[in-house]
Amino acid sequence: MYIIKVKGIAKIPDYVQLRDEKFTLLAYFRVDRPDKSLEKLGFGDKQAYIMSIINDLPFGQVTKLEI
């Protein structure tokens, strides 16, 4: 799975994209509200780990996530 952190502008908040190996969009959620999206994908138990990576990730960089 891949993570991309997208910088928002003005009133648009920062977002995160989760994509699979074929780069198909799995989830798109606000950085400050990941709960429902991660639960829906079945990663609710790994939310703390995923959010720690997202918080340290620079904007616009694609990072591979091994889960």
PDB file of N, CA and C in Angstrom:
ATOM      1  N   MET A   1       0.844  -1.164   0.000  1.00  0.00           N
ATOM      2  CA  MET A   1       0.000   0.000   0.000  1.00  0.00           C
ATOM      3  C   MET A   1       0.893   1.232   0.000  1.00  0.00           C
ATOM      4  N   TYR A   2       0.411   2.309  -0.595  1.00  0.00           N
ATOM      5  CA  TYR A   2       1.148   3.564  -0.670  1.00  0.00           C
ATOM      6  C   TYR A   2       0.365   4.675   0.013  1.00  0.00           C
ATOM      7  N   ILE A   3       1.096   5.615   0.600  1.00  0.00           N
ATOM      8  CA  ILE A   3       0.507   6.777   1.274  1.00  0.00           C
ATOM      9  C   ILE A   3       1.006   8.035   0.578  1.00  0.00           C
ATOM     10  N   ILE A   4       0.091   8.965   0.326  1.00  0.00           N
ATOM     11  CA  ILE A   4       0.437  10.273  -0.216  1.00  0.00           C
ATOM     12  C   ILE A   4      -0.254  11.314   0.654  1.00  0.00           C
ATOM     13  N   LYS A   5       0.499  12.276   1.137  1.00  0.00           N
ATOM     14  CA  LYS A   5      -0.056  13.352   1.959  1.00  0.00           C
ATOM     15  C   LYS A   5      -0.154  14.593   1.074  1.00  0.00           C
ATOM     16  N   VAL A   6      -1.376  15.151   0.974  1.00  0.00           N
ATOM     17  CA  VAL A   6      -1.665  16.270   0.081  1.00  0.00           C
ATOM     18  C   VAL A   6      -1.925  17.531   0.899  1.00  0.00           C
ATOM     19  N   LYS A   7      -1.189  18.597   0.599  1.00  0.00           N
ATOM     20  CA  LYS A   7      -1.325  19.868   1.318  1.00  0.00           C
ATOM     21  C   LYS A   7      -2.561  20.611   0.833  1.00  0.00           C
ATOM     22  N   GLY A   8      -3.393  21.027   1.765  1.00  0.00           N
ATOM     23  CA  GLY A   8      -4.563  21.822   1.424  1.00  0.00           C
ATOM     24  C   GLY A   8      -4.191  23.292   1.278  1.00  0.00           C
ATOM     25  N   ILE A   9      -5.070  24.048   0.618  1.00  0.00           N
ATOM     26  CA  ILE A   9      -4.834  25.476   0.450  1.00  0.00           C
ATOM     27  C   ILE A   9      -6.046  26.244   0.979  1.00  0.00           C
ATOM     28  N   ALA A  10      -5.779  27.367   1.619  1.00  0.00           N
ATOM     29  CA  ALA A  10      -6.826  28.233   2.170  1.00  0.00           C
ATOM     30  C   ALA A  10      -7.786  27.432   3.054  1.00  0.00           C
ATOM     31  N   LYS A  11      -9.048  27.292   2.645  1.00  0.00           N
ATOM     32  CA  LYS A  11     -10.044  26.594   3.463  1.00  0.00           C
ATOM     33  C   LYS A  11     -10.060  25.088   3.243  1.00  0.00           C
ATOM     34  N   ILE A  12      -9.306  24.595   2.275  1.00  0.00           N
ATOM     35  CA  ILE A  12      -9.252  23.164   2.001  1.00  0.00           C
ATOM     36  C   ILE A  12      -8.220  22.529   2.938  1.00  0.00           C
ATOM     37  N   PRO A  13      -8.627  21.531   3.726  1.00  0.00           N
ATOM     38  CA  PRO A  13      -7.697  20.922   4.693  1.00  0.00           C
ATOM     39  C   PRO A  13      -6.703  19.962   4.022  1.00  0.00           C
ATOM     40  N   ASP A  14      -5.703  19.541   4.791  1.00  0.00           N
ATOM     41  CA  ASP A  14      -4.737  18.548   4.327  1.00  0.00           C
ATOM     42  C   ASP A  14      -5.430  17.186   4.238  1.00  0.00           C
ATOM     43  N   TYR A  15      -5.087  16.416   3.209  1.00  0.00           N
ATOM     44  CA  TYR A  15      -5.675  15.105   3.000  1.00  0.00           C
ATOM     45  C   TYR A  15      -4.609  14.043   2.848  1.00  0.00           C
ATOM     46  N   VAL A  16      -5.022  12.786   3.012  1.00  0.00           N
ATOM     47  CA  VAL A  16      -4.157  11.629   2.822  1.00  0.00           C
ATOM     48  C   VAL A  16      -4.845  10.696   1.833  1.00  0.00           C
ATOM     49  N   GLN A  17      -4.053  10.154   0.911  1.00  0.00           N
ATOM     50  CA  GLN A  17      -4.545   9.141  -0.012  1.00  0.00           C
ATOM     51  C   GLN A  17      -3.863   7.819   0.323  1.00  0.00           C
ATOM     52  N   LEU A  18      -4.632   6.754   0.388  1.00  0.00           N
ATOM     53  CA  LEU A  18      -4.095   5.405   0.523  1.00  0.00           C
ATOM     54  C   LEU A  18      -4.367   4.696  -0.792  1.00  0.00           C
ATOM     55  N   ARG A  19      -3.311   4.130  -1.390  1.00  0.00           N
ATOM     56  CA  ARG A  19      -3.437   3.471  -2.690  1.00  0.00           C
ATOM     57  C   ARG A  19      -2.830   2.075  -2.626  1.00  0.00           C
ATOM     58  N   ASP A  20      -3.367   1.166  -3.446  1.00  0.00           N
ATOM     59  CA  ASP A  20      -2.858  -0.205  -3.464  1.00  0.00           C
ATOM     60  C   ASP A  20      -1.658  -0.327  -4.395  1.00  0.00           C
ATOM     61  N   GLU A  21      -1.206  -1.555  -4.626  1.00  0.00           N
ATOM     62  CA  GLU A  21      -0.020  -1.809  -5.443  1.00  0.00           C
ATOM     63  C   GLU A  21      -0.198  -1.358  -6.894  1.00  0.00           C
ATOM     64  N   LYS A  22      -1.437  -1.354  -7.392  1.00  0.00           N
ATOM     65  CA  LYS A  22      -1.714  -0.900  -8.755  1.00  0.00           C
ATOM     66  C   LYS A  22      -2.044   0.590  -8.785  1.00  0.00           C
ATOM     67  N   PHE A  23      -1.868   1.246  -7.650  1.00  0.00           N
ATOM     68  CA  PHE A  23      -2.103   2.673  -7.453  1.00  0.00           C
ATOM     69  C   PHE A  23      -3.580   3.069  -7.546  1.00  0.00           C
ATOM     70  N   THR A  24      -4.457   2.109  -7.291  1.00  0.00           N
ATOM     71  CA  THR A  24      -5.890   2.381  -7.223  1.00  0.00           C
ATOM     72  C   THR A  24      -6.196   3.016  -5.871  1.00  0.00           C
ATOM     73  N   LEU A  25      -7.001   4.068  -5.880  1.00  0.00           N
ATOM     74  CA  LEU A  25      -7.347   4.776  -4.651  1.00  0.00           C
ATOM     75  C   LEU A  25      -8.190   3.892  -3.741  1.00  0.00           C
ATOM     76  N   LEU A  26      -7.706   3.665  -2.520  1.00  0.00           N
ATOM     77  CA  LEU A  26      -8.438   2.881  -1.522  1.00  0.00           C
ATOM     78  C   LEU A  26      -9.186   3.776  -0.550  1.00  0.00           C
ATOM     79  N   ALA A  27      -8.549   4.864  -0.148  1.00  0.00           N
ATOM     80  CA  ALA A  27      -9.163   5.786   0.816  1.00  0.00           C
ATOM     81  C   ALA A  27      -8.596   7.178   0.609  1.00  0.00           C
ATOM     82  N   TYR A  28      -9.422   8.172   0.923  1.00  0.00           N
ATOM     83  CA  TYR A  28      -9.061   9.574   0.813  1.00  0.00           C
ATOM     84  C   TYR A  28      -9.700  10.246   2.021  1.00  0.00           C
ATOM     85  N   PHE A  29      -8.885  10.719   2.967  1.00  0.00           N
ATOM     86  CA  PHE A  29      -9.448  11.271   4.198  1.00  0.00           C
ATOM     87  C   PHE A  29      -8.616  12.431   4.710  1.00  0.00           C
ATOM     88  N   ARG A  30      -9.256  13.244   5.546  1.00  0.00           N
ATOM     89  CA  ARG A  30      -8.563  14.370   6.171  1.00  0.00           C
ATOM     90  C   ARG A  30      -7.555  13.847   7.179  1.00  0.00           C
ATOM     91  N   VAL A  31      -6.440  14.536   7.299  1.00  0.00           N
ATOM     92  CA  VAL A  31      -5.394  14.129   8.236  1.00  0.00           C
ATOM     93  C   VAL A  31      -5.923  14.108   9.664  1.00  0.00           C
ATOM     94  N   ASP A  32      -6.791  15.048  10.003  1.00  0.00           N
ATOM     95  CA  ASP A  32      -7.299  15.119  11.372  1.00  0.00           C
ATOM     96  C   ASP A  32      -8.525  14.233  11.631  1.00  0.00           C
ATOM     97  N   ARG A  33      -9.018  13.486  10.609  1.00  0.00           N
ATOM     98  CA  ARG A  33     -10.195  12.622  10.791  1.00  0.00           C
ATOM     99  C   ARG A  33     -10.039  11.284  10.048  1.00  0.00           C
ATOM    100  N   PRO A  34      -9.110  10.448  10.483  1.00  0.00           N
ATOM    101  CA  PRO A  34      -8.877   9.189   9.773  1.00  0.00           C
ATOM    102  C   PRO A  34      -9.775   8.031  10.225  1.00  0.00           C
ATOM    103  N   ASP A  35     -10.502   8.206  11.302  1.00  0.00           N
ATOM    104  CA  ASP A  35     -11.196   7.102  11.973  1.00  0.00           C
ATOM    105  C   ASP A  35     -12.040   6.221  11.062  1.00  0.00           C
ATOM    106  N   LYS A  36     -13.063   6.784  10.432  1.00  0.00           N
ATOM    107  CA  LYS A  36     -14.008   5.987   9.654  1.00  0.00           C
ATOM    108  C   LYS A  36     -13.356   5.324   8.447  1.00  0.00           C
ATOM    109  N   SER A  37     -12.471   6.030   7.761  1.00  0.00           N
ATOM    110  CA  SER A  37     -11.826   5.465   6.568  1.00  0.00           C
ATOM    111  C   SER A  37     -10.939   4.279   6.911  1.00  0.00           C
ATOM    112  N   LEU A  38     -10.163   4.402   7.960  1.00  0.00           N
ATOM    113  CA  LEU A  38      -9.286   3.297   8.348  1.00  0.00           C
ATOM    114  C   LEU A  38     -10.083   2.117   8.891  1.00  0.00           C
ATOM    115  N   GLU A  39     -11.159   2.385   9.611  1.00  0.00           N
ATOM    116  CA  GLU A  39     -12.032   1.314  10.102  1.00  0.00           C
ATOM    117  C   GLU A  39     -12.662   0.570   8.922  1.00  0.00           C
ATOM    118  N   LYS A  40     -13.120   1.315   7.927  1.00  0.00           N
ATOM    119  CA  LYS A  40     -13.774   0.728   6.763  1.00  0.00           C
ATOM    120  C   LYS A  40     -12.823  -0.195   5.993  1.00  0.00           C
ATOM    121  N   LEU A  41     -11.535   0.157   5.945  1.00  0.00           N
ATOM    122  CA  LEU A  41     -10.532  -0.664   5.261  1.00  0.00           C
ATOM    123  C   LEU A  41     -10.043  -1.833   6.115  1.00  0.00           C
ATOM    124  N   GLY A  42     -10.424  -1.839   7.392  1.00  0.00           N
ATOM    125  CA  GLY A  42      -9.992  -2.909   8.285  1.00  0.00           C
ATOM    126  C   GLY A  42      -8.671  -2.627   8.985  1.00  0.00           C
ATOM    127  N   PHE A  43      -8.260  -1.371   9.000  1.00  0.00           N
ATOM    128  CA  PHE A  43      -7.009  -0.980   9.648  1.00  0.00           C
ATOM    129  C   PHE A  43      -7.228  -0.198  10.934  1.00  0.00           C
ATOM    130  N   GLY A  44      -8.377  -0.346  11.548  1.00  0.00           N
ATOM    131  CA  GLY A  44      -8.671   0.367  12.785  1.00  0.00           C
ATOM    132  C   GLY A  44      -7.691   0.052  13.894  1.00  0.00           C
ATOM    133  N   ASP A  45      -7.229  -1.201  13.949  1.00  0.00           N
ATOM    134  CA  ASP A  45      -6.284  -1.600  14.984  1.00  0.00           C
ATOM    135  C   ASP A  45      -4.868  -1.087  14.722  1.00  0.00           C
ATOM    136  N   LYS A  46      -4.587  -0.666  13.490  1.00  0.00           N
ATOM    137  CA  LYS A  46      -3.261  -0.147  13.126  1.00  0.00           C
ATOM    138  C   LYS A  46      -3.266   1.370  12.933  1.00  0.00           C
ATOM    139  N   GLN A  47      -4.333   2.020  13.384  1.00  0.00           N
ATOM    140  CA  GLN A  47      -4.494   3.454  13.165  1.00  0.00           C
ATOM    141  C   GLN A  47      -3.350   4.269  13.777  1.00  0.00           C
ATOM    142  N   ALA A  48      -2.920   3.938  14.974  1.00  0.00           N
ATOM    143  CA  ALA A  48      -1.844   4.700  15.626  1.00  0.00           C
ATOM    144  C   ALA A  48      -0.547   4.603  14.816  1.00  0.00           C
ATOM    145  N   TYR A  49      -0.233   3.406  14.324  1.00  0.00           N
ATOM    146  CA  TYR A  49       0.969   3.203  13.523  1.00  0.00           C
ATOM    147  C   TYR A  49       0.899   3.988  12.204  1.00  0.00           C
ATOM    148  N   ILE A  50      -0.235   3.886  11.507  1.00  0.00           N
ATOM    149  CA  ILE A  50      -0.410   4.586  10.224  1.00  0.00           C
ATOM    150  C   ILE A  50      -0.356   6.095  10.427  1.00  0.00           C
ATOM    151  N   MET A  51      -1.004   6.604  11.471  1.00  0.00           N
ATOM    152  CA  MET A  51      -1.019   8.052  11.711  1.00  0.00           C
ATOM    153  C   MET A  51       0.359   8.560  12.115  1.00  0.00           C
ATOM    154  N   SER A  52       1.168   7.752  12.792  1.00  0.00           N
ATOM    155  CA  SER A  52       2.526   8.201  13.132  1.00  0.00           C
ATOM    156  C   SER A  52       3.359   8.366  11.875  1.00  0.00           C
ATOM    157  N   ILE A  53       3.163   7.497  10.900  1.00  0.00           N
ATOM    158  CA  ILE A  53       3.860   7.634   9.618  1.00  0.00           C
ATOM    159  C   ILE A  53       3.351   8.853   8.863  1.00  0.00           C
ATOM    160  N   ILE A  54       2.049   9.042   8.837  1.00  0.00           N
ATOM    161  CA  ILE A  54       1.453  10.179   8.126  1.00  0.00           C
ATOM    162  C   ILE A  54       1.919  11.502   8.723  1.00  0.00           C
ATOM    163  N   ASN A  55       1.971  11.601  10.031  1.00  0.00           N
ATOM    164  CA  ASN A  55       2.377  12.851  10.674  1.00  0.00           C
ATOM    165  C   ASN A  55       3.822  13.227  10.369  1.00  0.00           C
ATOM    166  N   ASP A  56       4.697  12.235  10.174  1.00  0.00           N
ATOM    167  CA  ASP A  56       6.102  12.499   9.860  1.00  0.00           C
ATOM    168  C   ASP A  56       6.361  12.634   8.368  1.00  0.00           C
ATOM    169  N   LEU A  57       5.389  12.313   7.544  1.00  0.00           N
ATOM    170  CA  LEU A  57       5.557  12.308   6.096  1.00  0.00           C
ATOM    171  C   LEU A  57       5.483  13.722   5.522  1.00  0.00           C
ATOM    172  N   PRO A  58       6.433  14.107   4.662  1.00  0.00           N
ATOM    173  CA  PRO A  58       6.342  15.417   4.012  1.00  0.00           C
ATOM    174  C   PRO A  58       5.227  15.414   2.954  1.00  0.00           C
ATOM    175  N   PHE A  59       4.700  16.582   2.651  1.00  0.00           N
ATOM    176  CA  PHE A  59       3.631  16.697   1.672  1.00  0.00           C
ATOM    177  C   PHE A  59       4.149  16.349   0.274  1.00  0.00           C
ATOM    178  N   GLY A  60       3.317  15.639  -0.495  1.00  0.00           N
ATOM    179  CA  GLY A  60       3.622  15.324  -1.882  1.00  0.00           C
ATOM    180  C   GLY A  60       4.536  14.139  -2.102  1.00  0.00           C
ATOM    181  N   GLN A  61       5.004  13.517  -1.060  1.00  0.00           N
ATOM    182  CA  GLN A  61       5.905  12.378  -1.201  1.00  0.00           C
ATOM    183  C   GLN A  61       5.111  11.079  -1.127  1.00  0.00           C
ATOM    184  N   VAL A  62       5.359  10.180  -2.078  1.00  0.00           N
ATOM    185  CA  VAL A  62       4.720   8.876  -2.079  1.00  0.00           C
ATOM    186  C   VAL A  62       5.596   7.934  -1.251  1.00  0.00           C
ATOM    187  N   THR A  63       4.989   7.270  -0.282  1.00  0.00           N
ATOM    188  CA  THR A  63       5.719   6.364   0.612  1.00  0.00           C
ATOM    189  C   THR A  63       5.032   5.004   0.619  1.00  0.00           C
ATOM    190  N   LYS A  64       5.823   3.957   0.499  1.00  0.00           N
ATOM    191  CA  LYS A  64       5.280   2.604   0.559  1.00  0.00           C
ATOM    192  C   LYS A  64       5.080   2.212   2.014  1.00  0.00           C
ATOM    193  N   LEU A  65       3.918   1.648   2.313  1.00  0.00           N
ATOM    194  CA  LEU A  65       3.570   1.232   3.661  1.00  0.00           C
ATOM    195  C   LEU A  65       3.433  -0.270   3.690  1.00  0.00           C
ATOM    196  N   GLU A  66       4.225  -0.924   4.515  1.00  0.00           N
ATOM    197  CA  GLU A  66       4.155  -2.382   4.663  1.00  0.00           C
ATOM    198  C   GLU A  66       3.302  -2.726   5.888  1.00  0.00           C
ATOM    199  N   ILE A  67       2.147  -3.334   5.638  1.00  0.00           N
ATOM    200  CA  ILE A  67       1.268  -3.754   6.741  1.00  0.00           C
ATOM    201  C   ILE A  67       1.009  -5.237   6.597  1.00  0.00           C
TER     202      ILE A  67
END
